[in-house]
Amino acid sequence: MIASALKDLQREWPAYSTSKDTRPGAEGWWAEVIRRTAIGAGSDPTGRSIPREYARPNILALTEVKKALPVITSKLMQRFSSREGYELYADTLSTCTFYFLIIA
């Protein structure tokens, strides 16, 4: 889902631009990736509320996604623009050291 939303947006709006050649910036661009991912995950793209008896657990109506989008985007941007969003695997340093010893 996210791979499709990401690929589609990279093709449609390269380098954080939009189809109208305006620049939403990184946060606006990623907000659109998140919105499309939510729709791909089952959010109602029309924004209508789904009757409770037909709603799937943990699936938000798009109106709820739109309300939450600024907070979600801000938190994800903060997380993945810092060390918080990444983890170093235990063997990464030894692999890099080995690789550089071979090249050097």
N, C-alpha and C. Protein backbone atom coordinates (compact mmCIF):
# COMPACT_ATOMS: atom_id res chain seq x y z
N MET A 1 0.81 -1.19 0.00
CA MET A 1 0.00 0.00 0.00
C MET A 1 0.86 1.27 0.00
N ILE A 2 1.78 1.34 0.97
CA ILE A 2 2.62 2.54 1.00
C ILE A 2 3.54 2.57 -0.21
N ALA A 3 4.01 1.39 -0.64
CA ALA A 3 4.89 1.36 -1.80
C ALA A 3 4.17 1.90 -3.02
N SER A 4 2.92 1.55 -3.21
CA SER A 4 2.14 2.03 -4.34
C SER A 4 1.89 3.53 -4.23
N ALA A 5 1.48 3.99 -3.06
CA ALA A 5 1.24 5.42 -2.86
C ALA A 5 2.52 6.22 -3.10
N LEU A 6 3.62 5.71 -2.61
CA LEU A 6 4.91 6.39 -2.76
C LEU A 6 5.34 6.42 -4.23
N LYS A 7 5.28 5.28 -4.90
CA LYS A 7 5.67 5.22 -6.32
C LYS A 7 4.78 6.12 -7.17
N ASP A 8 3.48 6.05 -6.93
CA ASP A 8 2.55 6.87 -7.70
C ASP A 8 2.84 8.35 -7.52
N LEU A 9 3.06 8.77 -6.30
CA LEU A 9 3.30 10.19 -6.04
C LEU A 9 4.65 10.65 -6.58
N GLN A 10 5.66 9.77 -6.52
CA GLN A 10 6.96 10.13 -7.09
C GLN A 10 6.83 10.35 -8.60
N ARG A 11 5.97 9.57 -9.23
CA ARG A 11 5.76 9.72 -10.67
C ARG A 11 4.91 10.97 -10.98
N GLU A 12 3.85 11.19 -10.18
CA GLU A 12 2.94 12.30 -10.43
C GLU A 12 3.51 13.65 -10.00
N TRP A 13 4.14 13.69 -8.85
CA TRP A 13 4.65 14.94 -8.27
C TRP A 13 6.13 14.80 -7.93
N PRO A 14 7.00 14.71 -8.92
CA PRO A 14 8.42 14.54 -8.60
C PRO A 14 8.99 15.73 -7.83
N ALA A 15 9.94 15.45 -7.00
CA ALA A 15 10.68 16.47 -6.25
C ALA A 15 9.76 17.41 -5.47
N TYR A 16 8.76 16.82 -4.81
CA TYR A 16 7.85 17.56 -3.94
C TYR A 16 7.02 18.61 -4.67
N SER A 17 6.83 18.45 -5.97
CA SER A 17 5.97 19.38 -6.69
C SER A 17 4.59 18.75 -6.83
N THR A 18 3.63 19.51 -7.32
CA THR A 18 2.30 18.97 -7.56
C THR A 18 1.96 19.12 -9.04
N SER A 19 0.82 18.60 -9.41
CA SER A 19 0.41 18.69 -10.80
C SER A 19 0.18 20.13 -11.23
N LYS A 20 -0.08 21.02 -10.28
CA LYS A 20 -0.30 22.43 -10.60
C LYS A 20 1.01 23.22 -10.52
N ASP A 21 2.12 22.49 -10.39
CA ASP A 21 3.46 23.07 -10.27
C ASP A 21 3.59 24.01 -9.08
N THR A 22 2.83 23.73 -8.05
CA THR A 22 3.04 24.44 -6.79
C THR A 22 3.93 23.55 -5.94
N ARG A 23 4.52 24.10 -4.95
CA ARG A 23 5.43 23.32 -4.10
C ARG A 23 4.84 23.19 -2.70
N PRO A 24 4.29 21.99 -2.38
CA PRO A 24 3.74 21.82 -1.04
C PRO A 24 4.83 21.63 0.01
N GLY A 25 6.06 21.43 -0.43
CA GLY A 25 7.15 21.15 0.49
C GLY A 25 7.12 19.69 0.91
N ALA A 26 8.13 19.30 1.62
CA ALA A 26 8.26 17.89 2.01
C ALA A 26 7.07 17.43 2.86
N GLU A 27 6.65 18.25 3.81
CA GLU A 27 5.57 17.82 4.69
C GLU A 27 4.25 17.65 3.94
N GLY A 28 3.93 18.55 3.03
CA GLY A 28 2.71 18.41 2.23
C GLY A 28 2.76 17.21 1.31
N TRP A 29 3.93 16.96 0.76
CA TRP A 29 4.11 15.82 -0.14
C TRP A 29 3.93 14.51 0.62
N TRP A 30 4.58 14.41 1.79
CA TRP A 30 4.45 13.19 2.59
C TRP A 30 3.03 13.05 3.15
N ALA A 31 2.35 14.14 3.43
CA ALA A 31 0.96 14.07 3.88
C ALA A 31 0.10 13.40 2.82
N GLU A 32 0.38 13.70 1.57
CA GLU A 32 -0.38 13.06 0.47
C GLU A 32 -0.06 11.58 0.38
N VAL A 33 1.20 11.19 0.59
CA VAL A 33 1.56 9.76 0.61
C VAL A 33 0.79 9.06 1.73
N ILE A 34 0.75 9.68 2.91
CA ILE A 34 0.05 9.10 4.06
C ILE A 34 -1.45 9.01 3.77
N ARG A 35 -2.03 10.05 3.18
CA ARG A 35 -3.46 10.04 2.86
C ARG A 35 -3.79 8.91 1.89
N ARG A 36 -2.98 8.78 0.84
CA ARG A 36 -3.22 7.73 -0.15
C ARG A 36 -3.02 6.34 0.46
N THR A 37 -2.06 6.23 1.36
CA THR A 37 -1.83 4.95 2.03
C THR A 37 -3.04 4.58 2.88
N ALA A 38 -3.61 5.55 3.57
CA ALA A 38 -4.80 5.30 4.38
C ALA A 38 -5.96 4.82 3.52
N ILE A 39 -6.12 5.43 2.36
CA ILE A 39 -7.18 5.00 1.44
C ILE A 39 -6.89 3.58 0.95
N GLY A 40 -5.64 3.31 0.61
CA GLY A 40 -5.26 1.97 0.17
C GLY A 40 -5.45 0.92 1.24
N ALA A 41 -5.39 1.35 2.50
CA ALA A 41 -5.57 0.42 3.62
C ALA A 41 -7.04 0.22 3.97
N GLY A 42 -7.93 0.93 3.27
CA GLY A 42 -9.35 0.69 3.49
C GLY A 42 -10.16 1.88 3.94
N SER A 43 -9.54 3.05 4.14
CA SER A 43 -10.33 4.23 4.50
C SER A 43 -11.26 4.56 3.34
N ASP A 44 -12.41 5.07 3.67
CA ASP A 44 -13.40 5.41 2.65
C ASP A 44 -12.94 6.64 1.89
N PRO A 45 -12.62 6.52 0.58
CA PRO A 45 -12.11 7.67 -0.17
C PRO A 45 -13.15 8.77 -0.40
N THR A 46 -14.42 8.47 -0.19
CA THR A 46 -15.44 9.50 -0.39
C THR A 46 -15.61 10.36 0.85
N GLY A 47 -15.10 9.90 1.98
CA GLY A 47 -15.24 10.65 3.22
C GLY A 47 -16.52 10.35 3.96
N ARG A 48 -17.36 9.50 3.41
CA ARG A 48 -18.60 9.13 4.10
C ARG A 48 -18.27 8.24 5.28
N SER A 49 -19.07 8.31 6.29
CA SER A 49 -18.91 7.39 7.41
C SER A 49 -19.51 6.04 7.01
N ILE A 50 -18.83 4.99 7.33
CA ILE A 50 -19.30 3.65 7.03
C ILE A 50 -20.22 3.21 8.17
N PRO A 51 -21.38 2.66 7.84
CA PRO A 51 -22.26 2.18 8.92
C PRO A 51 -21.50 1.23 9.84
N ARG A 52 -21.70 1.40 11.12
CA ARG A 52 -20.97 0.64 12.12
C ARG A 52 -20.97 -0.86 11.86
N GLU A 53 -22.09 -1.40 11.40
CA GLU A 53 -22.17 -2.86 11.20
C GLU A 53 -21.31 -3.34 10.04
N TYR A 54 -20.93 -2.43 9.13
CA TYR A 54 -20.08 -2.81 8.00
C TYR A 54 -18.63 -2.39 8.18
N ALA A 55 -18.37 -1.58 9.16
CA ALA A 55 -17.01 -1.05 9.35
C ALA A 55 -16.07 -2.16 9.80
N ARG A 56 -14.87 -2.10 9.27
CA ARG A 56 -13.84 -3.05 9.70
C ARG A 56 -13.10 -2.43 10.89
N PRO A 57 -12.63 -3.26 11.80
CA PRO A 57 -11.92 -2.72 12.97
C PRO A 57 -10.70 -1.91 12.54
N ASN A 58 -10.46 -0.81 13.23
CA ASN A 58 -9.29 0.04 13.04
C ASN A 58 -9.22 0.73 11.68
N ILE A 59 -10.33 0.79 10.94
CA ILE A 59 -10.34 1.50 9.66
C ILE A 59 -11.09 2.81 9.85
N LEU A 60 -10.46 3.90 9.48
CA LEU A 60 -11.04 5.23 9.67
C LEU A 60 -11.74 5.70 8.40
N ALA A 61 -12.80 6.45 8.54
CA ALA A 61 -13.39 7.13 7.40
C ALA A 61 -12.41 8.22 6.99
N LEU A 62 -12.42 8.59 5.72
CA LEU A 62 -11.48 9.58 5.23
C LEU A 62 -11.62 10.91 5.96
N THR A 63 -12.83 11.24 6.40
CA THR A 63 -13.00 12.49 7.14
C THR A 63 -12.17 12.44 8.42
N GLU A 64 -12.10 11.27 9.04
CA GLU A 64 -11.28 11.12 10.24
C GLU A 64 -9.80 11.17 9.88
N VAL A 65 -9.43 10.61 8.74
CA VAL A 65 -8.04 10.66 8.29
C VAL A 65 -7.64 12.11 8.05
N LYS A 66 -8.52 12.90 7.40
CA LYS A 66 -8.22 14.31 7.14
C LYS A 66 -8.00 15.07 8.43
N LYS A 67 -8.80 14.76 9.45
CA LYS A 67 -8.64 15.44 10.74
C LYS A 67 -7.32 15.07 11.39
N ALA A 68 -6.95 13.81 11.28
CA ALA A 68 -5.74 13.32 11.95
C ALA A 68 -4.48 13.56 11.13
N LEU A 69 -4.61 13.82 9.84
CA LEU A 69 -3.46 13.92 8.95
C LEU A 69 -2.39 14.92 9.38
N PRO A 70 -2.73 16.14 9.80
CA PRO A 70 -1.67 17.07 10.23
C PRO A 70 -0.85 16.55 11.41
N VAL A 71 -1.51 15.91 12.35
CA VAL A 71 -0.81 15.38 13.52
C VAL A 71 0.05 14.19 13.13
N ILE A 72 -0.53 13.28 12.34
CA ILE A 72 0.21 12.09 11.90
C ILE A 72 1.44 12.50 11.10
N THR A 73 1.24 13.41 10.14
CA THR A 73 2.35 13.85 9.28
C THR A 73 3.45 14.50 10.11
N SER A 74 3.07 15.38 11.00
CA SER A 74 4.06 16.07 11.83
C SER A 74 4.88 15.08 12.67
N LYS A 75 4.18 14.13 13.28
CA LYS A 75 4.88 13.14 14.12
C LYS A 75 5.81 12.26 13.29
N LEU A 76 5.35 11.82 12.12
CA LEU A 76 6.19 10.98 11.28
C LEU A 76 7.38 11.76 10.71
N MET A 77 7.15 13.02 10.32
CA MET A 77 8.25 13.85 9.83
C MET A 77 9.30 14.04 10.91
N GLN A 78 8.85 14.30 12.12
CA GLN A 78 9.78 14.48 13.23
C GLN A 78 10.55 13.20 13.50
N ARG A 79 9.84 12.09 13.52
CA ARG A 79 10.48 10.81 13.83
C ARG A 79 11.53 10.43 12.80
N PHE A 80 11.18 10.52 11.51
CA PHE A 80 12.09 10.04 10.48
C PHE A 80 13.08 11.09 9.99
N SER A 81 13.05 12.28 10.56
CA SER A 81 14.10 13.25 10.27
C SER A 81 15.08 13.33 11.44
N SER A 82 14.96 12.36 12.33
CA SER A 82 15.87 12.29 13.48
C SER A 82 16.36 10.85 13.64
N ARG A 83 17.22 10.63 14.61
CA ARG A 83 17.73 9.29 14.89
C ARG A 83 16.64 8.36 15.41
N GLU A 84 15.56 8.94 15.93
CA GLU A 84 14.48 8.17 16.54
C GLU A 84 13.86 7.16 15.56
N GLY A 85 13.84 7.48 14.27
CA GLY A 85 13.17 6.64 13.29
C GLY A 85 14.01 5.52 12.72
N TYR A 86 15.22 5.38 13.19
CA TYR A 86 16.13 4.41 12.60
C TYR A 86 16.83 3.59 13.67
N GLU A 87 17.15 2.37 13.32
CA GLU A 87 17.83 1.48 14.26
C GLU A 87 19.03 0.86 13.56
N LEU A 88 20.15 0.86 14.22
CA LEU A 88 21.36 0.27 13.69
C LEU A 88 21.36 -1.22 14.05
N TYR A 89 21.45 -2.07 13.04
CA TYR A 89 21.51 -3.51 13.31
C TYR A 89 22.85 -3.85 13.94
N ALA A 90 22.86 -4.87 14.75
CA ALA A 90 24.06 -5.25 15.50
C ALA A 90 25.26 -5.52 14.59
N ASP A 91 25.03 -6.09 13.41
CA ASP A 91 26.15 -6.44 12.54
C ASP A 91 26.52 -5.34 11.53
N THR A 92 25.87 -4.20 11.60
CA THR A 92 26.12 -3.15 10.61
C THR A 92 27.55 -2.63 10.68
N LEU A 93 28.01 -2.29 11.88
CA LEU A 93 29.36 -1.74 12.01
C LEU A 93 30.43 -2.73 11.59
N SER A 94 30.27 -3.98 11.99
CA SER A 94 31.29 -4.98 11.61
C SER A 94 31.27 -5.21 10.10
N THR A 95 30.11 -5.19 9.49
CA THR A 95 30.01 -5.36 8.03
C THR A 95 30.67 -4.19 7.32
N CYS A 96 30.40 -2.97 7.77
CA CYS A 96 31.00 -1.79 7.16
C CYS A 96 32.51 -1.79 7.33
N THR A 97 32.97 -2.15 8.51
CA THR A 97 34.41 -2.20 8.78
C THR A 97 35.06 -3.22 7.86
N PHE A 98 34.47 -4.39 7.73
CA PHE A 98 34.99 -5.44 6.85
C PHE A 98 35.04 -4.95 5.41
N TYR A 99 33.98 -4.30 4.96
CA TYR A 99 33.90 -3.79 3.59
C TYR A 99 35.00 -2.77 3.34
N PHE A 100 35.21 -1.85 4.25
CA PHE A 100 36.23 -0.82 4.06
C PHE A 100 37.64 -1.40 4.15
N LEU A 101 37.84 -2.46 4.91
CA LEU A 101 39.16 -3.10 4.98
C LEU A 101 39.49 -3.77 3.65
N ILE A 102 38.49 -4.34 3.00
CA ILE A 102 38.69 -5.00 1.71
C ILE A 102 39.05 -3.97 0.64
N ILE A 103 38.37 -2.84 0.65
CA ILE A 103 38.59 -1.80 -0.36
C ILE A 103 39.92 -1.09 -0.14
N ALA A 104 40.26 -0.83 1.11
CA ALA A 104 41.46 -0.04 1.42
C ALA A 104 42.73 -0.77 1.19
